[in-house]
Amino acid sequence: METTPRKEKWFRKLRNKYRLVLFNESTFEERISFRLSRIQVFLFLLSMAITFVALTFFVVAYTPLKEYIPGYPDVQQKDNLYHLNKLADSLMVDAQQKNLYIQNIKRIIENKKIIETLPEPAEQPNNYDTIKDRKSQQDSMLRISFENRTKFNLFPRNEVMPELTGNIQIYNQNFFKPLNGIITAKFAPLEKHYGIDIVAPHNDAVKSVLNGTVILSAWTLETGYVIVIQHAGNLISVYKHNAVLLKHEGDFVKAGEPIAIAGNTGELSTGPHLHFELWYNGNPVNPTKYINFN
């Protein structure tokens, strides 16, 4: 009988109204007044706490401030690492291709055989001693299928005359004659003579055979002043033993435009002439088959 009145008395205290009044300190004038109860103050403080916690959660979860919390994982870190790895791989492949291209240009000037692909790095030998069945049935079927597809190929890669591969594109080009003169040395790839020698009067203008961009304009000890032009369709023309070079690397030249003056420079030159080479898809071709020198 005594507990019930005590509970009601405690609950009434929570509901009792109190008056909060703000006075002017100098005039004691009542400015603001509030009628509050204990339960109202408690509910107000509880709602403020919940609102503060919710705002803190949303600010941390949906703003970059979460990255400043120690130990908080970065959601985009894996994506960034993946894109950086792809970028590094593409840059490495691009650098290897450019390095191979520059090496082949140097080998063309030095009358050496070009490199098709860069040598792969040496790998550690794998130990297959624990493998019992090294040749499965699926592997045998794959080998037979591949051999049957290439067994009756009538047009394999032509190593003796590589200019026959894709010659339709070359014949469609309208070549200009690089120099008016007499051909004294013919195209002989077996003797490592990958072009033709044209004898002409001294100081005659050497002209570009097609539109293109100068990729090399330099002097070498063996071939003297050399100029190399990159044309469309993976064509490259080379002009050696010049007296003067009229174009620089990066210059765009038109077909028939003078690019050099014929001369007698370099240790391999025995008189005023032009050594002219034409390369297609990385292979030397006979210029007389595509250019009329008559």
C-alpha atoms as a PDB file:
ATOM      1  CA  MET A   1       0.000   0.000   0.000  1.00  0.00           C
ATOM      2  CA  GLU A   2       2.964   2.313   0.595  1.00  0.00           C
ATOM      3  CA  THR A   3       4.873   1.625  -2.685  1.00  0.00           C
ATOM      4  CA  THR A   4       2.117   2.842  -4.980  1.00  0.00           C
ATOM      5  CA  PRO A   5       1.900   6.356  -3.533  1.00  0.00           C
ATOM      6  CA  ARG A   6       5.699   6.605  -3.611  1.00  0.00           C
ATOM      7  CA  LYS A   7       5.765   5.722  -7.344  1.00  0.00           C
ATOM      8  CA  GLU A   8       3.014   8.192  -8.070  1.00  0.00           C
ATOM      9  CA  LYS A   9       4.843  10.857  -6.100  1.00  0.00           C
ATOM     10  CA  TRP A  10       8.078  10.249  -8.066  1.00  0.00           C
ATOM     11  CA  PHE A  11       6.215  10.382 -11.380  1.00  0.00           C
ATOM     12  CA  ARG A  12       4.455  13.592 -10.360  1.00  0.00           C
ATOM     13  CA  LYS A  13       7.783  15.224  -9.624  1.00  0.00           C
ATOM     14  CA  LEU A  14       8.811  14.552 -13.231  1.00  0.00           C
ATOM     15  CA  ARG A  15       5.621  16.205 -14.447  1.00  0.00           C
ATOM     16  CA  ASN A  16       5.725  19.182 -12.108  1.00  0.00           C
ATOM     17  CA  LYS A  17       5.993  22.471 -13.967  1.00  0.00           C
ATOM     18  CA  TYR A  18       8.823  24.882 -13.341  1.00  0.00           C
ATOM     19  CA  ARG A  19       9.259  28.371 -14.681  1.00  0.00           C
ATOM     20  CA  LEU A  20      12.523  29.540 -16.231  1.00  0.00           C
ATOM     21  CA  VAL A  21      12.680  33.342 -16.304  1.00  0.00           C
ATOM     22  CA  LEU A  22      15.371  35.597 -17.780  1.00  0.00           C
ATOM     23  CA  PHE A  23      15.557  39.105 -16.204  1.00  0.00           C
ATOM     24  CA  ASN A  24      17.380  42.235 -17.234  1.00  0.00           C
ATOM     25  CA  GLU A  25      20.138  42.603 -14.656  1.00  0.00           C
ATOM     26  CA  SER A  26      19.890  46.397 -14.393  1.00  0.00           C
ATOM     27  CA  THR A  27      16.113  46.938 -14.517  1.00  0.00           C
ATOM     28  CA  PHE A  28      14.956  43.474 -13.383  1.00  0.00           C
ATOM     29  CA  GLU A  29      12.574  43.492 -16.326  1.00  0.00           C
ATOM     30  CA  GLU A  30      11.341  40.060 -17.316  1.00  0.00           C
ATOM     31  CA  ARG A  31      12.521  39.340 -20.839  1.00  0.00           C
ATOM     32  CA  ILE A  32      11.884  35.633 -21.525  1.00  0.00           C
ATOM     33  CA  SER A  33      10.118  32.974 -19.549  1.00  0.00           C
ATOM     34  CA  PHE A  34       9.647  29.226 -20.115  1.00  0.00           C
ATOM     35  CA  ARG A  35       7.392  26.716 -18.389  1.00  0.00           C
ATOM     36  CA  LEU A  36       9.233  23.408 -18.244  1.00  0.00           C
ATOM     37  CA  SER A  37       9.025  20.109 -16.458  1.00  0.00           C
ATOM     38  CA  ARG A  38      11.754  17.662 -15.620  1.00  0.00           C
ATOM     39  CA  ILE A  39      10.562  15.160 -18.169  1.00  0.00           C
ATOM     40  CA  GLN A  40      10.541  17.823 -20.902  1.00  0.00           C
ATOM     41  CA  VAL A  41      14.143  18.765 -20.116  1.00  0.00           C
ATOM     42  CA  PHE A  42      15.147  15.105 -20.160  1.00  0.00           C
ATOM     43  CA  LEU A  43      13.455  14.493 -23.513  1.00  0.00           C
ATOM     44  CA  PHE A  44      15.026  17.633 -24.988  1.00  0.00           C
ATOM     45  CA  LEU A  45      18.533  16.620 -23.911  1.00  0.00           C
ATOM     46  CA  LEU A  46      17.957  13.072 -25.203  1.00  0.00           C
ATOM     47  CA  SER A  47      16.770  14.341 -28.623  1.00  0.00           C
ATOM     48  CA  MET A  48      19.772  16.696 -28.848  1.00  0.00           C
ATOM     49  CA  ALA A  49      22.137  13.814 -28.097  1.00  0.00           C
ATOM     50  CA  ILE A  50      20.506  11.587 -30.736  1.00  0.00           C
ATOM     51  CA  THR A  51      20.627  14.404 -33.305  1.00  0.00           C
ATOM     52  CA  PHE A  52      24.312  15.066 -32.586  1.00  0.00           C
ATOM     53  CA  VAL A  53      25.194  11.371 -32.907  1.00  0.00           C
ATOM     54  CA  ALA A  54      23.264  11.074 -36.201  1.00  0.00           C
ATOM     55  CA  LEU A  55      24.904  14.180 -37.675  1.00  0.00           C
ATOM     56  CA  THR A  56      28.338  12.916 -36.641  1.00  0.00           C
ATOM     57  CA  PHE A  57      27.655   9.550 -38.295  1.00  0.00           C
ATOM     58  CA  PHE A  58      26.508  11.075 -41.599  1.00  0.00           C
ATOM     59  CA  VAL A  59      29.411  13.535 -41.690  1.00  0.00           C
ATOM     60  CA  VAL A  60      31.950  10.776 -41.105  1.00  0.00           C
ATOM     61  CA  ALA A  61      30.316   8.245 -43.454  1.00  0.00           C
ATOM     62  CA  TYR A  62      29.580  10.467 -46.458  1.00  0.00           C
ATOM     63  CA  THR A  63      32.364  13.065 -46.422  1.00  0.00           C
ATOM     64  CA  PRO A  64      36.166  12.870 -46.896  1.00  0.00           C
ATOM     65  CA  LEU A  65      36.596  13.445 -43.158  1.00  0.00           C
ATOM     66  CA  LYS A  66      36.523   9.681 -42.651  1.00  0.00           C
ATOM     67  CA  GLU A  67      39.984   9.424 -44.236  1.00  0.00           C
ATOM     68  CA  TYR A  68      41.456  11.394 -41.326  1.00  0.00           C
ATOM     69  CA  ILE A  69      40.266   8.870 -38.745  1.00  0.00           C
ATOM     70  CA  PRO A  70      43.205   6.624 -37.704  1.00  0.00           C
ATOM     71  CA  GLY A  71      42.670   3.040 -38.828  1.00  0.00           C
ATOM     72  CA  TYR A  72      39.747   3.810 -41.133  1.00  0.00           C
ATOM     73  CA  PRO A  73      40.219   1.888 -44.443  1.00  0.00           C
ATOM     74  CA  ASP A  74      40.252   3.789 -47.725  1.00  0.00           C
ATOM     75  CA  VAL A  75      37.537   2.384 -49.996  1.00  0.00           C
ATOM     76  CA  GLN A  76      39.160   3.671 -53.226  1.00  0.00           C
ATOM     77  CA  GLN A  77      42.660   2.490 -52.386  1.00  0.00           C
ATOM     78  CA  LYS A  78      42.311  -0.835 -54.204  1.00  0.00           C
ATOM     79  CA  ASP A  79      40.840   0.829 -57.285  1.00  0.00           C
ATOM     80  CA  ASN A  80      43.657   3.357 -57.358  1.00  0.00           C
ATOM     81  CA  LEU A  81      46.276   0.621 -57.068  1.00  0.00           C
ATOM     82  CA  TYR A  82      44.610  -1.335 -59.875  1.00  0.00           C
ATOM     83  CA  HIS A  83      44.556   1.665 -62.229  1.00  0.00           C
ATOM     84  CA  LEU A  84      48.161   2.544 -61.334  1.00  0.00           C
ATOM     85  CA  ASN A  85      49.276  -0.999 -62.125  1.00  0.00           C
ATOM     86  CA  LYS A  86      47.503  -0.871 -65.510  1.00  0.00           C
ATOM     87  CA  LEU A  87      49.100   2.496 -66.262  1.00  0.00           C
ATOM     88  CA  ALA A  88      52.559   1.216 -65.315  1.00  0.00           C
ATOM     89  CA  ASP A  89      52.146  -1.859 -67.547  1.00  0.00           C
ATOM     90  CA  SER A  90      50.991   0.223 -70.522  1.00  0.00           C
ATOM     91  CA  LEU A  91      53.882   2.678 -70.060  1.00  0.00           C
ATOM     92  CA  MET A  92      56.365  -0.194 -69.900  1.00  0.00           C
ATOM     93  CA  VAL A  93      54.997  -1.745 -73.107  1.00  0.00           C
ATOM     94  CA  ASP A  94      55.049   1.637 -74.868  1.00  0.00           C
ATOM     95  CA  ALA A  95      58.652   2.253 -73.769  1.00  0.00           C
ATOM     96  CA  GLN A  96      59.692  -1.200 -75.051  1.00  0.00           C
ATOM     97  CA  GLN A  97      58.053  -0.586 -78.440  1.00  0.00           C
ATOM     98  CA  LYS A  98      59.736   2.810 -78.807  1.00  0.00           C
ATOM     99  CA  ASN A  99      63.083   1.317 -77.809  1.00  0.00           C
ATOM    100  CA  LEU A 100      62.676  -1.424 -80.432  1.00  0.00           C
ATOM    101  CA  TYR A 101      61.707   1.168 -83.060  1.00  0.00           C
ATOM    102  CA  ILE A 102      64.807   3.297 -82.357  1.00  0.00           C
ATOM    103  CA  GLN A 103      67.077   0.237 -82.398  1.00  0.00           C
ATOM    104  CA  ASN A 104      65.690  -0.848 -85.780  1.00  0.00           C
ATOM    105  CA  ILE A 105      66.281   2.633 -87.226  1.00  0.00           C
ATOM    106  CA  LYS A 106      69.914   2.470 -86.091  1.00  0.00           C
ATOM    107  CA  ARG A 107      70.310  -1.041 -87.526  1.00  0.00           C
ATOM    108  CA  ILE A 108      68.824   0.099 -90.852  1.00  0.00           C
ATOM    109  CA  ILE A 109      71.410   2.874 -91.055  1.00  0.00           C
ATOM    110  CA  GLU A 110      74.207   0.418 -90.191  1.00  0.00           C
ATOM    111  CA  ASN A 111      72.971  -2.098 -92.825  1.00  0.00           C
ATOM    112  CA  LYS A 112      72.186  -4.703 -90.177  1.00  0.00           C
ATOM    113  CA  LYS A 113      69.265  -7.060 -89.869  1.00  0.00           C
ATOM    114  CA  ILE A 114      66.369  -5.633 -87.939  1.00  0.00           C
ATOM    115  CA  ILE A 115      64.999  -7.105 -84.710  1.00  0.00           C
ATOM    116  CA  GLU A 116      61.415  -8.335 -84.869  1.00  0.00           C
ATOM    117  CA  THR A 117      60.843  -8.468 -81.107  1.00  0.00           C
ATOM    118  CA  LEU A 118      62.820  -7.614 -78.005  1.00  0.00           C
ATOM    119  CA  PRO A 119      64.364 -10.600 -76.197  1.00  0.00           C
ATOM    120  CA  GLU A 120      62.302 -11.693 -73.240  1.00  0.00           C
ATOM    121  CA  PRO A 121      63.967 -11.666 -69.817  1.00  0.00           C
ATOM    122  CA  ALA A 122      65.419 -14.957 -68.719  1.00  0.00           C
ATOM    123  CA  GLU A 123      63.114 -16.910 -66.473  1.00  0.00           C
ATOM    124  CA  GLN A 124      64.002 -19.397 -63.810  1.00  0.00           C
ATOM    125  CA  PRO A 125      63.550 -22.991 -65.000  1.00  0.00           C
ATOM    126  CA  ASN A 126      60.451 -24.645 -63.619  1.00  0.00           C
ATOM    127  CA  ASN A 127      60.633 -27.968 -61.902  1.00  0.00           C
ATOM    128  CA  TYR A 128      58.158 -30.403 -63.440  1.00  0.00           C
ATOM    129  CA  ASP A 129      59.527 -33.548 -61.837  1.00  0.00           C
ATOM    130  CA  THR A 130      56.453 -33.901 -59.672  1.00  0.00           C
ATOM    131  CA  ILE A 131      54.115 -33.945 -62.687  1.00  0.00           C
ATOM    132  CA  LYS A 132      53.319 -37.481 -63.809  1.00  0.00           C
ATOM    133  CA  ASP A 133      51.101 -36.962 -66.853  1.00  0.00           C
ATOM    134  CA  ARG A 134      52.797 -34.114 -68.776  1.00  0.00           C
ATOM    135  CA  LYS A 135      50.709 -34.502 -71.927  1.00  0.00           C
ATOM    136  CA  SER A 136      46.968 -34.650 -71.450  1.00  0.00           C
ATOM    137  CA  GLN A 137      44.388 -35.681 -74.025  1.00  0.00           C
ATOM    138  CA  GLN A 138      43.096 -32.121 -74.340  1.00  0.00           C
ATOM    139  CA  ASP A 139      46.603 -30.889 -75.077  1.00  0.00           C
ATOM    140  CA  SER A 140      47.055 -33.477 -77.819  1.00  0.00           C
ATOM    141  CA  MET A 141      43.742 -32.523 -79.438  1.00  0.00           C
ATOM    142  CA  LEU A 142      44.698 -28.841 -79.359  1.00  0.00           C
ATOM    143  CA  ARG A 143      48.047 -29.559 -81.023  1.00  0.00           C
ATOM    144  CA  ILE A 144      46.395 -31.607 -83.791  1.00  0.00           C
ATOM    145  CA  SER A 145      43.798 -28.898 -84.430  1.00  0.00           C
ATOM    146  CA  PHE A 146      46.451 -26.183 -84.698  1.00  0.00           C
ATOM    147  CA  GLU A 147      48.666 -28.243 -87.004  1.00  0.00           C
ATOM    148  CA  ASN A 148      45.731 -29.006 -89.320  1.00  0.00           C
ATOM    149  CA  ARG A 149      44.866 -25.317 -89.648  1.00  0.00           C
ATOM    150  CA  THR A 150      48.400 -24.396 -90.772  1.00  0.00           C
ATOM    151  CA  LYS A 151      49.274 -27.575 -92.642  1.00  0.00           C
ATOM    152  CA  PHE A 152      47.925 -26.535 -96.043  1.00  0.00           C
ATOM    153  CA  ASN A 153      48.733 -22.821 -95.851  1.00  0.00           C
ATOM    154  CA  LEU A 154      49.724 -21.785 -99.385  1.00  0.00           C
ATOM    155  CA  PHE A 155      51.094 -18.375 -98.375  1.00  0.00           C
ATOM    156  CA  PRO A 156      53.528 -18.714 -95.481  1.00  0.00           C
ATOM    157  CA  ARG A 157      55.742 -15.829 -94.507  1.00  0.00           C
ATOM    158  CA  ASN A 158      58.185 -15.186 -97.347  1.00  0.00           C
ATOM    159  CA  GLU A 159      61.677 -14.927 -95.844  1.00  0.00           C
ATOM    160  CA  VAL A 160      63.509 -14.701 -99.178  1.00  0.00           C
ATOM    161  CA  MET A 161      61.405 -11.906-100.704  1.00  0.00           C
ATOM    162  CA  PRO A 162      59.478 -10.267 -97.840  1.00  0.00           C
ATOM    163  CA  GLU A 163      58.363  -7.445-100.143  1.00  0.00           C
ATOM    164  CA  LEU A 164      55.767  -9.815-101.671  1.00  0.00           C
ATOM    165  CA  THR A 165      53.787  -9.745 -98.432  1.00  0.00           C
ATOM    166  CA  GLY A 166      51.257  -6.940 -98.635  1.00  0.00           C
ATOM    167  CA  ASN A 167      52.642  -5.563-101.909  1.00  0.00           C
ATOM    168  CA  ILE A 168      49.193  -4.325-102.956  1.00  0.00           C
ATOM    169  CA  GLN A 169      49.523  -1.359-100.620  1.00  0.00           C
ATOM    170  CA  ILE A 170      52.967  -0.489-101.985  1.00  0.00           C
ATOM    171  CA  TYR A 171      51.855  -0.613-105.616  1.00  0.00           C
ATOM    172  CA  ASN A 172      49.022   1.781-104.825  1.00  0.00           C
ATOM    173  CA  GLN A 173      51.521   4.482-103.832  1.00  0.00           C
ATOM    174  CA  ASN A 174      52.665   7.111-106.352  1.00  0.00           C
ATOM    175  CA  PHE A 175      56.403   7.329-105.719  1.00  0.00           C
ATOM    176  CA  PHE A 176      58.578  10.233-106.833  1.00  0.00           C
ATOM    177  CA  LYS A 177      62.038   9.493-108.118  1.00  0.00           C
ATOM    178  CA  PRO A 178      64.516  10.540-105.392  1.00  0.00           C
ATOM    179  CA  LEU A 179      67.291  11.496-107.840  1.00  0.00           C
ATOM    180  CA  ASN A 180      67.854  11.598-111.578  1.00  0.00           C
ATOM    181  CA  GLY A 181      70.840   9.416-112.425  1.00  0.00           C
ATOM    182  CA  ILE A 182      72.223   6.000-113.314  1.00  0.00           C
ATOM    183  CA  ILE A 183      71.849   2.981-111.031  1.00  0.00           C
ATOM    184  CA  THR A 184      75.317   1.526-110.484  1.00  0.00           C
ATOM    185  CA  ALA A 185      74.604  -0.936-107.642  1.00  0.00           C
ATOM    186  CA  LYS A 186      71.426  -2.971-107.507  1.00  0.00           C
ATOM    187  CA  PHE A 187      69.391  -4.291-104.596  1.00  0.00           C
ATOM    188  CA  ALA A 188      71.250  -7.296-103.117  1.00  0.00           C
ATOM    189  CA  PRO A 189      70.002  -8.274 -99.634  1.00  0.00           C
ATOM    190  CA  LEU A 190      72.105 -11.456 -99.551  1.00  0.00           C
ATOM    191  CA  GLU A 191      75.190  -9.236 -99.812  1.00  0.00           C
ATOM    192  CA  LYS A 192      73.769  -6.899 -97.128  1.00  0.00           C
ATOM    193  CA  HIS A 193      73.173  -4.191 -99.706  1.00  0.00           C
ATOM    194  CA  TYR A 194      69.602  -3.240 -98.850  1.00  0.00           C
ATOM    195  CA  GLY A 195      69.183  -0.459-101.400  1.00  0.00           C
ATOM    196  CA  ILE A 196      70.402   0.912-104.699  1.00  0.00           C
ATOM    197  CA  ASP A 197      73.175   3.353-105.587  1.00  0.00           C
ATOM    198  CA  ILE A 198      72.315   6.209-107.938  1.00  0.00           C
ATOM    199  CA  VAL A 199      75.141   8.172-109.528  1.00  0.00           C
ATOM    200  CA  ALA A 200      74.295  11.792-110.344  1.00  0.00           C
ATOM    201  CA  PRO A 201      76.121  15.081-110.793  1.00  0.00           C
ATOM    202  CA  HIS A 202      77.410  16.690-107.628  1.00  0.00           C
ATOM    203  CA  ASN A 203      75.059  19.047-105.746  1.00  0.00           C
ATOM    204  CA  ASP A 204      71.873  17.637-107.336  1.00  0.00           C
ATOM    205  CA  ALA A 205      68.758  17.843-105.135  1.00  0.00           C
ATOM    206  CA  VAL A 206      67.583  14.667-103.402  1.00  0.00           C
ATOM    207  CA  LYS A 207      63.778  14.546-103.177  1.00  0.00           C
ATOM    208  CA  SER A 208      61.331  12.759-100.907  1.00  0.00           C
ATOM    209  CA  VAL A 209      59.566   9.849-102.609  1.00  0.00           C
ATOM    210  CA  LEU A 210      56.310  10.305-100.617  1.00  0.00           C
ATOM    211  CA  ASN A 211      54.721  12.540 -98.011  1.00  0.00           C
ATOM    212  CA  GLY A 212      56.127  11.851 -94.584  1.00  0.00           C
ATOM    213  CA  THR A 213      57.882  12.987 -91.431  1.00  0.00           C
ATOM    214  CA  VAL A 214      61.651  13.119 -90.938  1.00  0.00           C
ATOM    215  CA  ILE A 215      62.562  10.760 -88.094  1.00  0.00           C
ATOM    216  CA  LEU A 216      66.343  10.953 -88.460  1.00  0.00           C
ATOM    217  CA  SER A 217      68.615  13.665 -89.804  1.00  0.00           C
ATOM    218  CA  ALA A 218      72.183  13.049 -88.703  1.00  0.00           C
ATOM    219  CA  TRP A 219      75.776  12.253 -89.690  1.00  0.00           C
ATOM    220  CA  THR A 220      77.478   8.861 -89.290  1.00  0.00           C
ATOM    221  CA  LEU A 221      81.069   7.847 -89.885  1.00  0.00           C
ATOM    222  CA  GLU A 222      80.281   5.143 -92.462  1.00  0.00           C
ATOM    223  CA  THR A 223      77.332   6.634 -94.365  1.00  0.00           C
ATOM    224  CA  GLY A 224      77.941  10.379 -93.947  1.00  0.00           C
ATOM    225  CA  TYR A 225      74.883  12.641 -93.860  1.00  0.00           C
ATOM    226  CA  VAL A 226      71.777  10.442 -93.588  1.00  0.00           C
ATOM    227  CA  ILE A 227      68.103  11.350 -93.606  1.00  0.00           C
ATOM    228  CA  VAL A 228      65.271   8.898 -92.862  1.00  0.00           C
ATOM    229  CA  ILE A 229      61.571   9.614 -93.529  1.00  0.00           C
ATOM    230  CA  GLN A 230      58.570   7.778 -92.112  1.00  0.00           C
ATOM    231  CA  HIS A 231      55.669   7.491 -94.594  1.00  0.00           C
ATOM    232  CA  ALA A 232      52.102   6.246 -94.274  1.00  0.00           C
ATOM    233  CA  GLY A 233      51.436   2.515 -94.601  1.00  0.00           C
ATOM    234  CA  ASN A 234      54.494   1.559 -92.497  1.00  0.00           C
ATOM    235  CA  LEU A 235      56.918   2.686 -95.223  1.00  0.00           C
ATOM    236  CA  ILE A 236      60.384   4.111 -94.488  1.00  0.00           C
ATOM    237  CA  SER A 237      62.766   5.656 -97.015  1.00  0.00           C
ATOM    238  CA  VAL A 238      66.493   6.119 -96.324  1.00  0.00           C
ATOM    239  CA  TYR A 239      68.868   8.525 -98.127  1.00  0.00           C
ATOM    240  CA  LYS A 240      72.639   8.171 -97.440  1.00  0.00           C
ATOM    241  CA  HIS A 241      75.957   9.834 -98.442  1.00  0.00           C
ATOM    242  CA  ASN A 242      74.464  13.328 -98.819  1.00  0.00           C
ATOM    243  CA  ALA A 243      76.535  16.494 -98.903  1.00  0.00           C
ATOM    244  CA  VAL A 244      74.011  18.688 -97.067  1.00  0.00           C
ATOM    245  CA  LEU A 245      70.789  17.935 -95.213  1.00  0.00           C
ATOM    246  CA  LEU A 246      67.944  20.389 -95.824  1.00  0.00           C
ATOM    247  CA  LYS A 247      65.448  19.003 -93.292  1.00  0.00           C
ATOM    248  CA  HIS A 248      65.554  18.290 -89.589  1.00  0.00           C
ATOM    249  CA  GLU A 249      63.952  15.668 -87.371  1.00  0.00           C
ATOM    250  CA  GLY A 250      60.227  16.235 -86.955  1.00  0.00           C
ATOM    251  CA  ASP A 251      59.803  18.185 -90.206  1.00  0.00           C
ATOM    252  CA  PHE A 252      56.914  17.196 -92.451  1.00  0.00           C
ATOM    253  CA  VAL A 253      57.880  16.909 -96.120  1.00  0.00           C
ATOM    254  CA  LYS A 254      55.780  16.470 -99.232  1.00  0.00           C
ATOM    255  CA  ALA A 255      56.405  14.106-102.106  1.00  0.00           C
ATOM    256  CA  GLY A 256      58.981  15.572-104.530  1.00  0.00           C
ATOM    257  CA  GLU A 257      60.210  18.165-101.999  1.00  0.00           C
ATOM    258  CA  PRO A 258      64.034  18.572-101.784  1.00  0.00           C
ATOM    259  CA  ILE A 259      65.357  17.140 -98.536  1.00  0.00           C
ATOM    260  CA  ALA A 260      69.135  16.979 -99.164  1.00  0.00           C
ATOM    261  CA  ILE A 261      71.969  17.596-101.639  1.00  0.00           C
ATOM    262  CA  ALA A 262      73.686  14.571-103.186  1.00  0.00           C
ATOM    263  CA  GLY A 263      77.310  14.209-102.203  1.00  0.00           C
ATOM    264  CA  ASN A 264      80.178  11.913-101.288  1.00  0.00           C
ATOM    265  CA  THR A 265      80.256  11.711 -97.487  1.00  0.00           C
ATOM    266  CA  GLY A 266      81.061   8.703 -95.334  1.00  0.00           C
ATOM    267  CA  GLU A 267      83.767   6.054 -95.411  1.00  0.00           C
ATOM    268  CA  LEU A 268      81.657   3.640 -97.512  1.00  0.00           C
ATOM    269  CA  SER A 269      81.251   6.158-100.344  1.00  0.00           C
ATOM    270  CA  THR A 270      83.573   5.956-103.385  1.00  0.00           C
ATOM    271  CA  GLY A 271      82.179   8.895-105.327  1.00  0.00           C
ATOM    272  CA  PRO A 272      79.244  11.306-105.600  1.00  0.00           C
ATOM    273  CA  HIS A 273      76.100   9.185-105.444  1.00  0.00           C
ATOM    274  CA  LEU A 274      72.937   8.496-103.432  1.00  0.00           C
ATOM    275  CA  HIS A 275      72.366   5.249-101.583  1.00  0.00           C
ATOM    276  CA  PHE A 276      68.580   4.880-101.440  1.00  0.00           C
ATOM    277  CA  GLU A 277      66.686   2.274 -99.390  1.00  0.00           C
ATOM    278  CA  LEU A 278      62.975   1.492 -99.074  1.00  0.00           C
ATOM    279  CA  TRP A 279      61.640  -0.474 -96.101  1.00  0.00           C
ATOM    280  CA  TYR A 280      58.137  -1.896 -95.744  1.00  0.00           C
ATOM    281  CA  ASN A 281      56.811  -3.495 -92.536  1.00  0.00           C
ATOM    282  CA  GLY A 282      60.352  -3.650 -91.212  1.00  0.00           C
ATOM    283  CA  ASN A 283      61.777  -5.454 -94.272  1.00  0.00           C
ATOM    284  CA  PRO A 284      63.920  -4.046 -97.103  1.00  0.00           C
ATOM    285  CA  VAL A 285      62.295  -4.050-100.539  1.00  0.00           C
ATOM    286  CA  ASN A 286      63.674  -3.473-104.017  1.00  0.00           C
ATOM    287  CA  PRO A 287      62.960   0.196-104.919  1.00  0.00           C
ATOM    288  CA  THR A 288      63.144  -0.506-108.674  1.00  0.00           C
ATOM    289  CA  LYS A 289      59.947  -2.595-108.457  1.00  0.00           C
ATOM    290  CA  TYR A 290      57.909   0.363-107.282  1.00  0.00           C
ATOM    291  CA  ILE A 291      59.721   3.436-108.625  1.00  0.00           C
ATOM    292  CA  ASN A 292      60.399   4.168-112.292  1.00  0.00           C
ATOM    293  CA  PHE A 293      64.070   5.211-112.551  1.00  0.00           C
ATOM    294  CA  ASN A 294      64.121   5.382-116.387  1.00  0.00           C
END
